[in-house]
Amino acid sequence: MLKRLFYEENGQGMVEYGLIIALIAIAVILVLTNIGGGLNTIFGRVETELETAGTTTTP
């Protein structure tokens, strides 16, 4: 019975797919985290420019 446990391959494919999906999910989270910081900076600049433009008036 112990020998059969080590050599049985029925669930092996599902485990491999699970690991691949987990790695892809980690990569997507890392990319979105990095992009999120950049977008925050961009929108912060836009907000500052809009505030500045709203306070200055041209004759």
N, C-alpha and C. Protein backbone atom coordinates (compact mmCIF):
# COMPACT_ATOMS: atom_id res chain seq x y z
N MET A 1 0.82 -1.19 0.00
CA MET A 1 0.00 0.00 0.00
C MET A 1 0.87 1.26 0.00
N LEU A 2 1.94 1.28 0.77
CA LEU A 2 2.83 2.44 0.82
C LEU A 2 3.52 2.64 -0.52
N LYS A 3 3.89 1.55 -1.18
CA LYS A 3 4.54 1.63 -2.49
C LYS A 3 3.59 2.25 -3.51
N ARG A 4 2.32 1.84 -3.47
CA ARG A 4 1.33 2.37 -4.40
C ARG A 4 1.11 3.87 -4.17
N LEU A 5 1.17 4.31 -2.91
CA LEU A 5 0.99 5.72 -2.59
C LEU A 5 2.06 6.58 -3.26
N PHE A 6 3.29 6.10 -3.30
CA PHE A 6 4.39 6.87 -3.90
C PHE A 6 4.35 6.86 -5.43
N TYR A 7 3.80 5.84 -6.02
CA TYR A 7 3.85 5.73 -7.48
C TYR A 7 2.55 6.12 -8.17
N GLU A 8 1.51 6.40 -7.43
CA GLU A 8 0.25 6.77 -8.05
C GLU A 8 0.35 8.20 -8.57
N GLU A 9 -0.11 8.43 -9.79
CA GLU A 9 0.05 9.74 -10.43
C GLU A 9 -1.28 10.38 -10.80
N ASN A 10 -2.38 9.94 -10.23
CA ASN A 10 -3.69 10.47 -10.63
C ASN A 10 -3.84 11.95 -10.31
N GLY A 11 -3.43 12.40 -9.15
CA GLY A 11 -3.61 13.79 -8.77
C GLY A 11 -2.43 14.68 -9.11
N GLN A 12 -1.41 14.13 -9.71
CA GLN A 12 -0.20 14.88 -9.98
C GLN A 12 -0.45 16.04 -10.94
N GLY A 13 -1.24 15.84 -11.98
CA GLY A 13 -1.51 16.89 -12.96
C GLY A 13 -2.24 18.07 -12.34
N MET A 14 -3.20 17.78 -11.46
CA MET A 14 -3.96 18.85 -10.82
C MET A 14 -3.07 19.67 -9.90
N VAL A 15 -2.14 19.03 -9.22
CA VAL A 15 -1.22 19.76 -8.34
C VAL A 15 -0.33 20.68 -9.18
N GLU A 16 0.13 20.20 -10.30
CA GLU A 16 0.97 21.03 -11.18
C GLU A 16 0.20 22.24 -11.69
N TYR A 17 -1.05 22.04 -12.10
CA TYR A 17 -1.88 23.17 -12.55
C TYR A 17 -2.12 24.15 -11.41
N GLY A 18 -2.33 23.65 -10.21
CA GLY A 18 -2.52 24.51 -9.06
C GLY A 18 -1.30 25.37 -8.77
N LEU A 19 -0.12 24.77 -8.89
CA LEU A 19 1.12 25.52 -8.67
C LEU A 19 1.32 26.59 -9.73
N ILE A 20 1.01 26.25 -10.97
CA ILE A 20 1.15 27.23 -12.06
C ILE A 20 0.20 28.41 -11.83
N ILE A 21 -1.04 28.11 -11.46
CA ILE A 21 -2.02 29.17 -11.22
C ILE A 21 -1.58 30.04 -10.05
N ALA A 22 -1.04 29.42 -9.00
CA ALA A 22 -0.56 30.18 -7.85
C ALA A 22 0.58 31.12 -8.24
N LEU A 23 1.52 30.65 -9.05
CA LEU A 23 2.63 31.49 -9.50
C LEU A 23 2.14 32.65 -10.36
N ILE A 24 1.18 32.38 -11.24
CA ILE A 24 0.63 33.44 -12.08
C ILE A 24 -0.08 34.48 -11.21
N ALA A 25 -0.83 34.02 -10.21
CA ALA A 25 -1.53 34.95 -9.32
C ALA A 25 -0.55 35.84 -8.56
N ILE A 26 0.55 35.27 -8.08
CA ILE A 26 1.56 36.05 -7.38
C ILE A 26 2.18 37.09 -8.31
N ALA A 27 2.46 36.69 -9.55
CA ALA A 27 3.04 37.63 -10.51
C ALA A 27 2.07 38.76 -10.81
N VAL A 28 0.80 38.46 -10.98
CA VAL A 28 -0.20 39.49 -11.27
C VAL A 28 -0.32 40.46 -10.10
N ILE A 29 -0.32 39.93 -8.88
CA ILE A 29 -0.41 40.79 -7.69
C ILE A 29 0.78 41.73 -7.62
N LEU A 30 1.98 41.21 -7.88
CA LEU A 30 3.18 42.06 -7.84
C LEU A 30 3.13 43.15 -8.90
N VAL A 31 2.71 42.80 -10.10
CA VAL A 31 2.64 43.79 -11.18
C VAL A 31 1.61 44.86 -10.85
N LEU A 32 0.43 44.45 -10.38
CA LEU A 32 -0.60 45.43 -10.06
C LEU A 32 -0.20 46.32 -8.90
N THR A 33 0.55 45.77 -7.95
CA THR A 33 1.03 46.59 -6.84
C THR A 33 1.98 47.66 -7.34
N ASN A 34 2.89 47.30 -8.22
CA ASN A 34 3.83 48.28 -8.77
C ASN A 34 3.13 49.32 -9.63
N ILE A 35 2.19 48.90 -10.44
CA ILE A 35 1.45 49.83 -11.29
C ILE A 35 0.60 50.76 -10.42
N GLY A 36 0.03 50.22 -9.35
CA GLY A 36 -0.81 51.02 -8.46
C GLY A 36 -0.05 52.19 -7.87
N GLY A 37 1.18 51.98 -7.46
CA GLY A 37 1.99 53.07 -6.92
C GLY A 37 2.25 54.14 -7.97
N GLY A 38 2.54 53.72 -9.17
CA GLY A 38 2.77 54.67 -10.26
C GLY A 38 1.53 55.47 -10.60
N LEU A 39 0.38 54.80 -10.61
CA LEU A 39 -0.87 55.50 -10.91
C LEU A 39 -1.21 56.50 -9.81
N ASN A 40 -0.92 56.13 -8.58
CA ASN A 40 -1.15 57.05 -7.47
C ASN A 40 -0.35 58.33 -7.65
N THR A 41 0.89 58.19 -8.07
CA THR A 41 1.75 59.34 -8.31
C THR A 41 1.21 60.21 -9.44
N ILE A 42 0.81 59.58 -10.51
CA ILE A 42 0.29 60.33 -11.67
C ILE A 42 -0.97 61.10 -11.28
N PHE A 43 -1.91 60.43 -10.61
CA PHE A 43 -3.15 61.12 -10.23
C PHE A 43 -2.89 62.20 -9.19
N GLY A 44 -1.89 62.01 -8.35
CA GLY A 44 -1.51 63.06 -7.40
C GLY A 44 -1.01 64.30 -8.11
N ARG A 45 -0.22 64.11 -9.15
CA ARG A 45 0.27 65.25 -9.94
C ARG A 45 -0.87 65.97 -10.64
N VAL A 46 -1.78 65.17 -11.22
CA VAL A 46 -2.92 65.76 -11.91
C VAL A 46 -3.77 66.58 -10.93
N GLU A 47 -3.99 66.03 -9.75
CA GLU A 47 -4.77 66.74 -8.74
C GLU A 47 -4.10 68.07 -8.36
N THR A 48 -2.79 68.03 -8.17
CA THR A 48 -2.06 69.25 -7.82
C THR A 48 -2.16 70.29 -8.93
N GLU A 49 -2.00 69.87 -10.16
CA GLU A 49 -2.09 70.79 -11.30
C GLU A 49 -3.49 71.40 -11.41
N LEU A 50 -4.52 70.57 -11.19
CA LEU A 50 -5.88 71.08 -11.27
C LEU A 50 -6.17 72.08 -10.15
N GLU A 51 -5.67 71.79 -8.96
CA GLU A 51 -5.85 72.73 -7.85
C GLU A 51 -5.15 74.04 -8.14
N THR A 52 -3.95 73.96 -8.66
CA THR A 52 -3.17 75.15 -8.99
C THR A 52 -3.86 75.94 -10.10
N ALA A 53 -4.36 75.26 -11.10
CA ALA A 53 -5.04 75.93 -12.21
C ALA A 53 -6.34 76.57 -11.74
N GLY A 54 -7.00 75.99 -10.76
CA GLY A 54 -8.25 76.54 -10.26
C GLY A 54 -8.06 77.78 -9.42
N THR A 55 -6.90 77.92 -8.80
CA THR A 55 -6.66 79.08 -7.94
C THR A 55 -6.10 80.27 -8.69
N THR A 56 -5.45 80.02 -9.83
CA THR A 56 -4.90 81.13 -10.61
C THR A 56 -5.88 81.50 -11.71
N THR A 57 -6.13 82.76 -11.85
CA THR A 57 -7.03 83.23 -12.90
C THR A 57 -6.26 84.07 -13.90
N THR A 58 -6.63 83.95 -15.13
CA THR A 58 -5.99 84.76 -16.17
C THR A 58 -6.93 85.91 -16.54
N PRO A 59 -6.39 87.11 -16.72
CA PRO A 59 -7.25 88.27 -17.06
C PRO A 59 -7.78 88.22 -18.45
